[in-house]
Amino acid sequence: MEEDNSFSSRFTKKSQQMPLYPVGILGFGLVAAYGLYKFKSRKGRTSLYLIQLRLAAQGTAVGIIGIGVLYNIYTDITSKKSKS
């Protein structure tokens, strides 16, 4: 059987592996949308603004995924202690 490599199937598979993945994507999108909204009232050079916006959006996504990893580590450690 041929594996489906469409965006929706890959997204679903990744969401099952890491439940906070969609939250990270949503955070990235919200920061990007806010940046585009504020783009008109910017001061300074456009390239610098876009670099800062990209950094904020990527940082949000990585931060959310990092929180999920730390939560999984915490739950694994507490479940091992309760089994002992």
PDB file of N, CA and C in Angstrom:
ATOM      1  N   MET A   1       0.844  -1.181   0.000  1.00  0.00           N
ATOM      2  CA  MET A   1       0.000   0.000   0.000  1.00  0.00           C
ATOM      3  C   MET A   1       0.885   1.240   0.000  1.00  0.00           C
ATOM      4  N   GLU A   2       0.576   2.155  -0.838  1.00  0.00           N
ATOM      5  CA  GLU A   2       1.382   3.366  -0.977  1.00  0.00           C
ATOM      6  C   GLU A   2       1.050   4.350   0.144  1.00  0.00           C
ATOM      7  N   GLU A   3       2.100   4.925   0.724  1.00  0.00           N
ATOM      8  CA  GLU A   3       1.915   5.874   1.814  1.00  0.00           C
ATOM      9  C   GLU A   3       1.547   7.244   1.256  1.00  0.00           C
ATOM     10  N   ASP A   4       0.555   7.881   1.873  1.00  0.00           N
ATOM     11  CA  ASP A   4       0.106   9.196   1.438  1.00  0.00           C
ATOM     12  C   ASP A   4       1.029  10.265   2.016  1.00  0.00           C
ATOM     13  N   ASN A   5       1.637  11.091   1.166  1.00  0.00           N
ATOM     14  CA  ASN A   5       2.565  12.123   1.603  1.00  0.00           C
ATOM     15  C   ASN A   5       1.974  13.517   1.463  1.00  0.00           C
ATOM     16  N   SER A   6       0.664  13.646   1.562  1.00  0.00           N
ATOM     17  CA  SER A   6       0.055  14.958   1.462  1.00  0.00           C
ATOM     18  C   SER A   6       0.307  15.742   2.748  1.00  0.00           C
ATOM     19  N   PHE A   7       0.089  17.032   2.678  1.00  0.00           N
ATOM     20  CA  PHE A   7       0.316  17.886   3.838  1.00  0.00           C
ATOM     21  C   PHE A   7      -0.552  17.467   5.011  1.00  0.00           C
ATOM     22  N   SER A   8      -1.818  17.163   4.745  1.00  0.00           N
ATOM     23  CA  SER A   8      -2.734  16.823   5.842  1.00  0.00           C
ATOM     24  C   SER A   8      -2.330  15.523   6.531  1.00  0.00           C
ATOM     25  N   SER A   9      -1.871  14.539   5.782  1.00  0.00           N
ATOM     26  CA  SER A   9      -1.467  13.284   6.420  1.00  0.00           C
ATOM     27  C   SER A   9      -0.180  13.454   7.216  1.00  0.00           C
ATOM     28  N   ARG A  10       0.758  14.244   6.688  1.00  0.00           N
ATOM     29  CA  ARG A  10       1.989  14.498   7.442  1.00  0.00           C
ATOM     30  C   ARG A  10       1.699  15.310   8.697  1.00  0.00           C
ATOM     31  N   PHE A  11       0.804  16.298   8.586  1.00  0.00           N
ATOM     32  CA  PHE A  11       0.447  17.120   9.733  1.00  0.00           C
ATOM     33  C   PHE A  11      -0.241  16.278  10.808  1.00  0.00           C
ATOM     34  N   THR A  12      -1.141  15.399  10.398  1.00  0.00           N
ATOM     35  CA  THR A  12      -1.839  14.526  11.341  1.00  0.00           C
ATOM     36  C   THR A  12      -0.865  13.588  12.043  1.00  0.00           C
ATOM     37  N   LYS A  13       0.067  13.018  11.290  1.00  0.00           N
ATOM     38  CA  LYS A  13       1.047  12.112  11.870  1.00  0.00           C
ATOM     39  C   LYS A  13       1.940  12.844  12.869  1.00  0.00           C
ATOM     40  N   LYS A  14       2.398  14.028  12.512  1.00  0.00           N
ATOM     41  CA  LYS A  14       3.250  14.816  13.401  1.00  0.00           C
ATOM     42  C   LYS A  14       2.477  15.257  14.644  1.00  0.00           C
ATOM     43  N   SER A  15       1.196  15.565  14.490  1.00  0.00           N
ATOM     44  CA  SER A  15       0.370  15.972  15.629  1.00  0.00           C
ATOM     45  C   SER A  15       0.169  14.824  16.607  1.00  0.00           C
ATOM     46  N   GLN A  16       0.095  13.610  16.093  1.00  0.00           N
ATOM     47  CA  GLN A  16      -0.052  12.453  16.972  1.00  0.00           C
ATOM     48  C   GLN A  16       1.250  12.172  17.723  1.00  0.00           C
ATOM     49  N   GLN A  17       2.379  12.409  17.077  1.00  0.00           N
ATOM     50  CA  GLN A  17       3.667  12.187  17.729  1.00  0.00           C
ATOM     51  C   GLN A  17       3.940  13.257  18.774  1.00  0.00           C
ATOM     52  N   MET A  18       3.648  14.514  18.442  1.00  0.00           N
ATOM     53  CA  MET A  18       3.879  15.641  19.348  1.00  0.00           C
ATOM     54  C   MET A  18       2.604  16.469  19.418  1.00  0.00           C
ATOM     55  N   PRO A  19       1.823  16.316  20.482  1.00  0.00           N
ATOM     56  CA  PRO A  19       0.528  17.013  20.566  1.00  0.00           C
ATOM     57  C   PRO A  19       0.637  18.540  20.564  1.00  0.00           C
ATOM     58  N   LEU A  20       1.763  19.119  20.962  1.00  0.00           N
ATOM     59  CA  LEU A  20       1.887  20.570  20.973  1.00  0.00           C
ATOM     60  C   LEU A  20       2.374  21.129  19.645  1.00  0.00           C
ATOM     61  N   TYR A  21       2.604  20.288  18.677  1.00  0.00           N
ATOM     62  CA  TYR A  21       3.033  20.738  17.355  1.00  0.00           C
ATOM     63  C   TYR A  21       2.019  21.701  16.726  1.00  0.00           C
ATOM     64  N   PRO A  22       0.702  21.374  16.737  1.00  0.00           N
ATOM     65  CA  PRO A  22      -0.262  22.322  16.170  1.00  0.00           C
ATOM     66  C   PRO A  22      -0.314  23.644  16.948  1.00  0.00           C
ATOM     67  N   VAL A  23      -0.087  23.584  18.261  1.00  0.00           N
ATOM     68  CA  VAL A  23      -0.079  24.805  19.067  1.00  0.00           C
ATOM     69  C   VAL A  23       1.108  25.679  18.668  1.00  0.00           C
ATOM     70  N   GLY A  24       2.262  25.066  18.405  1.00  0.00           N
ATOM     71  CA  GLY A  24       3.427  25.810  17.942  1.00  0.00           C
ATOM     72  C   GLY A  24       3.191  26.456  16.591  1.00  0.00           C
ATOM     73  N   ILE A  25       2.552  25.724  15.708  1.00  0.00           N
ATOM     74  CA  ILE A  25       2.222  26.276  14.390  1.00  0.00           C
ATOM     75  C   ILE A  25       1.245  27.446  14.543  1.00  0.00           C
ATOM     76  N   LEU A  26       0.265  27.301  15.421  1.00  0.00           N
ATOM     77  CA  LEU A  26      -0.697  28.371  15.651  1.00  0.00           C
ATOM     78  C   LEU A  26      -0.015  29.609  16.235  1.00  0.00           C
ATOM     79  N   GLY A  27       0.894  29.405  17.201  1.00  0.00           N
ATOM     80  CA  GLY A  27       1.632  30.526  17.770  1.00  0.00           C
ATOM     81  C   GLY A  27       2.464  31.239  16.727  1.00  0.00           C
ATOM     82  N   PHE A  28       3.120  30.477  15.874  1.00  0.00           N
ATOM     83  CA  PHE A  28       3.891  31.049  14.778  1.00  0.00           C
ATOM     84  C   PHE A  28       3.005  31.904  13.879  1.00  0.00           C
ATOM     85  N   GLY A  29       1.850  31.367  13.538  1.00  0.00           N
ATOM     86  CA  GLY A  29       0.922  32.090  12.671  1.00  0.00           C
ATOM     87  C   GLY A  29       0.393  33.371  13.313  1.00  0.00           C
ATOM     88  N   LEU A  30       0.111  33.312  14.611  1.00  0.00           N
ATOM     89  CA  LEU A  30      -0.388  34.501  15.302  1.00  0.00           C
ATOM     90  C   LEU A  30       0.663  35.603  15.364  1.00  0.00           C
ATOM     91  N   VAL A  31       1.905  35.234  15.655  1.00  0.00           N
ATOM     92  CA  VAL A  31       2.971  36.239  15.693  1.00  0.00           C
ATOM     93  C   VAL A  31       3.184  36.823  14.300  1.00  0.00           C
ATOM     94  N   ALA A  32       3.164  35.986  13.293  1.00  0.00           N
ATOM     95  CA  ALA A  32       3.334  36.470  11.922  1.00  0.00           C
ATOM     96  C   ALA A  32       2.182  37.395  11.509  1.00  0.00           C
ATOM     97  N   ALA A  33       0.963  37.029  11.883  1.00  0.00           N
ATOM     98  CA  ALA A  33      -0.190  37.875  11.548  1.00  0.00           C
ATOM     99  C   ALA A  33      -0.111  39.214  12.275  1.00  0.00           C
ATOM    100  N   TYR A  34       0.279  39.197  13.522  1.00  0.00           N
ATOM    101  CA  TYR A  34       0.433  40.446  14.272  1.00  0.00           C
ATOM    102  C   TYR A  34       1.507  41.323  13.636  1.00  0.00           C
ATOM    103  N   GLY A  35       2.594  40.714  13.225  1.00  0.00           N
ATOM    104  CA  GLY A  35       3.671  41.464  12.582  1.00  0.00           C
ATOM    105  C   GLY A  35       3.237  42.086  11.273  1.00  0.00           C
ATOM    106  N   LEU A  36       2.459  41.355  10.503  1.00  0.00           N
ATOM    107  CA  LEU A  36       1.954  41.914   9.248  1.00  0.00           C
ATOM    108  C   LEU A  36       0.986  43.063   9.503  1.00  0.00           C
ATOM    109  N   TYR A  37       0.202  42.950  10.565  1.00  0.00           N
ATOM    110  CA  TYR A  37      -0.725  44.012  10.920  1.00  0.00           C
ATOM    111  C   TYR A  37       0.032  45.278  11.329  1.00  0.00           C
ATOM    112  N   LYS A  38       1.118  45.116  12.078  1.00  0.00           N
ATOM    113  CA  LYS A  38       1.900  46.251  12.544  1.00  0.00           C
ATOM    114  C   LYS A  38       2.899  46.749  11.496  1.00  0.00           C
ATOM    115  N   PHE A  39       2.963  46.088  10.374  1.00  0.00           N
ATOM    116  CA  PHE A  39       3.939  46.430   9.339  1.00  0.00           C
ATOM    117  C   PHE A  39       3.778  47.865   8.840  1.00  0.00           C
ATOM    118  N   LYS A  40       2.548  48.334   8.798  1.00  0.00           N
ATOM    119  CA  LYS A  40       2.296  49.678   8.275  1.00  0.00           C
ATOM    120  C   LYS A  40       2.833  50.775   9.188  1.00  0.00           C
ATOM    121  N   SER A  41       2.857  50.530  10.486  1.00  0.00           N
ATOM    122  CA  SER A  41       3.279  51.571  11.424  1.00  0.00           C
ATOM    123  C   SER A  41       4.729  51.387  11.888  1.00  0.00           C
ATOM    124  N   ARG A  42       5.512  50.696  11.129  1.00  0.00           N
ATOM    125  CA  ARG A  42       6.896  50.415  11.527  1.00  0.00           C
ATOM    126  C   ARG A  42       7.770  51.651  11.371  1.00  0.00           C
ATOM    127  N   LYS A  43       8.850  51.645  12.123  1.00  0.00           N
ATOM    128  CA  LYS A  43       9.865  52.681  11.986  1.00  0.00           C
ATOM    129  C   LYS A  43      11.177  51.975  11.711  1.00  0.00           C
ATOM    130  N   GLY A  44      11.945  52.487  10.810  1.00  0.00           N
ATOM    131  CA  GLY A  44      13.217  51.858  10.489  1.00  0.00           C
ATOM    132  C   GLY A  44      13.162  51.113   9.173  1.00  0.00           C
ATOM    133  N   ARG A  45      14.216  50.330   8.959  1.00  0.00           N
ATOM    134  CA  ARG A  45      14.324  49.612   7.691  1.00  0.00           C
ATOM    135  C   ARG A  45      13.429  48.377   7.662  1.00  0.00           C
ATOM    136  N   THR A  46      12.934  48.072   6.488  1.00  0.00           N
ATOM    137  CA  THR A  46      12.042  46.931   6.317  1.00  0.00           C
ATOM    138  C   THR A  46      12.756  45.617   6.579  1.00  0.00           C
ATOM    139  N   SER A  47      13.979  45.473   6.105  1.00  0.00           N
ATOM    140  CA  SER A  47      14.677  44.203   6.259  1.00  0.00           C
ATOM    141  C   SER A  47      14.923  43.883   7.731  1.00  0.00           C
ATOM    142  N   LEU A  48      15.275  44.863   8.522  1.00  0.00           N
ATOM    143  CA  LEU A  48      15.497  44.642   9.945  1.00  0.00           C
ATOM    144  C   LEU A  48      14.190  44.253  10.639  1.00  0.00           C
ATOM    145  N   TYR A  49      13.111  44.902  10.272  1.00  0.00           N
ATOM    146  CA  TYR A  49      11.809  44.579  10.847  1.00  0.00           C
ATOM    147  C   TYR A  49      11.420  43.130  10.533  1.00  0.00           C
ATOM    148  N   LEU A  50      11.627  42.715   9.300  1.00  0.00           N
ATOM    149  CA  LEU A  50      11.254  41.352   8.915  1.00  0.00           C
ATOM    150  C   LEU A  50      12.117  40.310   9.602  1.00  0.00           C
ATOM    151  N   ILE A  51      13.389  40.609   9.812  1.00  0.00           N
ATOM    152  CA  ILE A  51      14.264  39.678  10.530  1.00  0.00           C
ATOM    153  C   ILE A  51      13.796  39.528  11.974  1.00  0.00           C
ATOM    154  N   GLN A  52      13.453  40.647  12.616  1.00  0.00           N
ATOM    155  CA  GLN A  52      12.974  40.587  13.989  1.00  0.00           C
ATOM    156  C   GLN A  52      11.645  39.853  14.083  1.00  0.00           C
ATOM    157  N   LEU A  53      10.780  40.057  13.123  1.00  0.00           N
ATOM    158  CA  LEU A  53       9.493  39.370  13.093  1.00  0.00           C
ATOM    159  C   LEU A  53       9.680  37.869  12.930  1.00  0.00           C
ATOM    160  N   ARG A  54      10.558  37.475  12.033  1.00  0.00           N
ATOM    161  CA  ARG A  54      10.812  36.051  11.828  1.00  0.00           C
ATOM    162  C   ARG A  54      11.382  35.414  13.089  1.00  0.00           C
ATOM    163  N   LEU A  55      12.283  36.108  13.754  1.00  0.00           N
ATOM    164  CA  LEU A  55      12.883  35.596  14.983  1.00  0.00           C
ATOM    165  C   LEU A  55      11.827  35.422  16.071  1.00  0.00           C
ATOM    166  N   ALA A  56      10.923  36.368  16.208  1.00  0.00           N
ATOM    167  CA  ALA A  56       9.863  36.261  17.209  1.00  0.00           C
ATOM    168  C   ALA A  56       8.926  35.096  16.900  1.00  0.00           C
ATOM    169  N   ALA A  57       8.576  34.921  15.647  1.00  0.00           N
ATOM    170  CA  ALA A  57       7.669  33.834  15.268  1.00  0.00           C
ATOM    171  C   ALA A  57       8.320  32.472  15.472  1.00  0.00           C
ATOM    172  N   GLN A  58       9.571  32.328  15.069  1.00  0.00           N
ATOM    173  CA  GLN A  58      10.268  31.061  15.261  1.00  0.00           C
ATOM    174  C   GLN A  58      10.492  30.782  16.740  1.00  0.00           C
ATOM    175  N   GLY A  59      10.814  31.802  17.506  1.00  0.00           N
ATOM    176  CA  GLY A  59      11.015  31.633  18.941  1.00  0.00           C
ATOM    177  C   GLY A  59       9.752  31.179  19.642  1.00  0.00           C
ATOM    178  N   THR A  60       8.621  31.693  19.204  1.00  0.00           N
ATOM    179  CA  THR A  60       7.340  31.275  19.776  1.00  0.00           C
ATOM    180  C   THR A  60       7.080  29.798  19.506  1.00  0.00           C
ATOM    181  N   ALA A  61       7.280  29.377  18.277  1.00  0.00           N
ATOM    182  CA  ALA A  61       7.038  27.972  17.924  1.00  0.00           C
ATOM    183  C   ALA A  61       7.993  27.043  18.672  1.00  0.00           C
ATOM    184  N   VAL A  62       9.260  27.381  18.713  1.00  0.00           N
ATOM    185  CA  VAL A  62      10.241  26.537  19.401  1.00  0.00           C
ATOM    186  C   VAL A  62       9.980  26.522  20.904  1.00  0.00           C
ATOM    187  N   GLY A  63       9.590  27.657  21.460  1.00  0.00           N
ATOM    188  CA  GLY A  63       9.287  27.726  22.887  1.00  0.00           C
ATOM    189  C   GLY A  63       8.118  26.838  23.274  1.00  0.00           C
ATOM    190  N   ILE A  64       7.069  26.851  22.480  1.00  0.00           N
ATOM    191  CA  ILE A  64       5.902  26.018  22.767  1.00  0.00           C
ATOM    192  C   ILE A  64       6.254  24.541  22.663  1.00  0.00           C
ATOM    193  N   ILE A  65       6.994  24.176  21.649  1.00  0.00           N
ATOM    194  CA  ILE A  65       7.396  22.775  21.502  1.00  0.00           C
ATOM    195  C   ILE A  65       8.338  22.374  22.641  1.00  0.00           C
ATOM    196  N   GLY A  66       9.227  23.280  23.051  1.00  0.00           N
ATOM    197  CA  GLY A  66      10.122  23.012  24.180  1.00  0.00           C
ATOM    198  C   GLY A  66       9.364  22.789  25.476  1.00  0.00           C
ATOM    199  N   ILE A  67       8.312  23.574  25.704  1.00  0.00           N
ATOM    200  CA  ILE A  67       7.478  23.378  26.889  1.00  0.00           C
ATOM    201  C   ILE A  67       6.836  21.993  26.857  1.00  0.00           C
ATOM    202  N   GLY A  68       6.401  21.570  25.695  1.00  0.00           N
ATOM    203  CA  GLY A  68       5.822  20.229  25.563  1.00  0.00           C
ATOM    204  C   GLY A  68       6.818  19.130  25.860  1.00  0.00           C
ATOM    205  N   VAL A  69       8.052  19.302  25.407  1.00  0.00           N
ATOM    206  CA  VAL A  69       9.094  18.304  25.678  1.00  0.00           C
ATOM    207  C   VAL A  69       9.383  18.235  27.181  1.00  0.00           C
ATOM    208  N   LEU A  70       9.503  19.392  27.816  1.00  0.00           N
ATOM    209  CA  LEU A  70       9.744  19.410  29.262  1.00  0.00           C
ATOM    210  C   LEU A  70       8.595  18.781  30.034  1.00  0.00           C
ATOM    211  N   TYR A  71       7.376  19.009  29.590  1.00  0.00           N
ATOM    212  CA  TYR A  71       6.219  18.397  30.237  1.00  0.00           C
ATOM    213  C   TYR A  71       6.261  16.876  30.099  1.00  0.00           C
ATOM    214  N   ASN A  72       6.622  16.382  28.908  1.00  0.00           N
ATOM    215  CA  ASN A  72       6.720  14.935  28.715  1.00  0.00           C
ATOM    216  C   ASN A  72       7.819  14.329  29.576  1.00  0.00           C
ATOM    217  N   ILE A  73       8.943  14.996  29.700  1.00  0.00           N
ATOM    218  CA  ILE A  73      10.019  14.512  30.566  1.00  0.00           C
ATOM    219  C   ILE A  73       9.546  14.455  32.014  1.00  0.00           C
ATOM    220  N   TYR A  74       8.868  15.502  32.452  1.00  0.00           N
ATOM    221  CA  TYR A  74       8.352  15.548  33.820  1.00  0.00           C
ATOM    222  C   TYR A  74       7.373  14.404  34.077  1.00  0.00           C
ATOM    223  N   THR A  75       6.438  14.162  33.155  1.00  0.00           N
ATOM    224  CA  THR A  75       5.461  13.091  33.360  1.00  0.00           C
ATOM    225  C   THR A  75       6.131  11.720  33.330  1.00  0.00           C
ATOM    226  N   ASP A  76       7.160  11.540  32.502  1.00  0.00           N
ATOM    227  CA  ASP A  76       7.882  10.264  32.488  1.00  0.00           C
ATOM    228  C   ASP A  76       8.602  10.017  33.806  1.00  0.00           C
ATOM    229  N   ILE A  77       9.224  11.048  34.358  1.00  0.00           N
ATOM    230  CA  ILE A  77       9.944  10.895  35.620  1.00  0.00           C
ATOM    231  C   ILE A  77       8.981  10.610  36.765  1.00  0.00           C
ATOM    232  N   THR A  78       7.865  11.328  36.814  1.00  0.00           N
ATOM    233  CA  THR A  78       6.912  11.103  37.909  1.00  0.00           C
ATOM    234  C   THR A  78       6.231   9.745  37.783  1.00  0.00           C
ATOM    235  N   SER A  79       6.009   9.254  36.579  1.00  0.00           N
ATOM    236  CA  SER A  79       5.384   7.940  36.430  1.00  0.00           C
ATOM    237  C   SER A  79       6.355   6.834  36.813  1.00  0.00           C
ATOM    238  N   LYS A  80       7.643   7.019  36.584  1.00  0.00           N
ATOM    239  CA  LYS A  80       8.640   6.025  36.984  1.00  0.00           C
ATOM    240  C   LYS A  80       8.767   5.974  38.494  1.00  0.00           C
ATOM    241  N   LYS A  81       8.680   7.136  39.157  1.00  0.00           N
ATOM    242  CA  LYS A  81       8.778   7.172  40.622  1.00  0.00           C
ATOM    243  C   LYS A  81       7.565   6.511  41.257  1.00  0.00           C
ATOM    244  N   SER A  82       6.394   6.672  40.690  1.00  0.00           N
ATOM    245  CA  SER A  82       5.188   6.095  41.260  1.00  0.00           C
ATOM    246  C   SER A  82       5.149   4.577  41.069  1.00  0.00           C
ATOM    247  N   LYS A  83       5.833   4.062  40.035  1.00  0.00           N
ATOM    248  CA  LYS A  83       5.897   2.607  39.818  1.00  0.00           C
ATOM    249  C   LYS A  83       6.848   1.935  40.795  1.00  0.00           C
ATOM    250  N   SER A  84       7.845   2.663  41.275  1.00  0.00           N
ATOM    251  CA  SER A  84       8.845   2.073  42.187  1.00  0.00           C
ATOM    252  C   SER A  84       8.323   1.853  43.562  1.00  0.00           C
TER     253      SER A  84
END
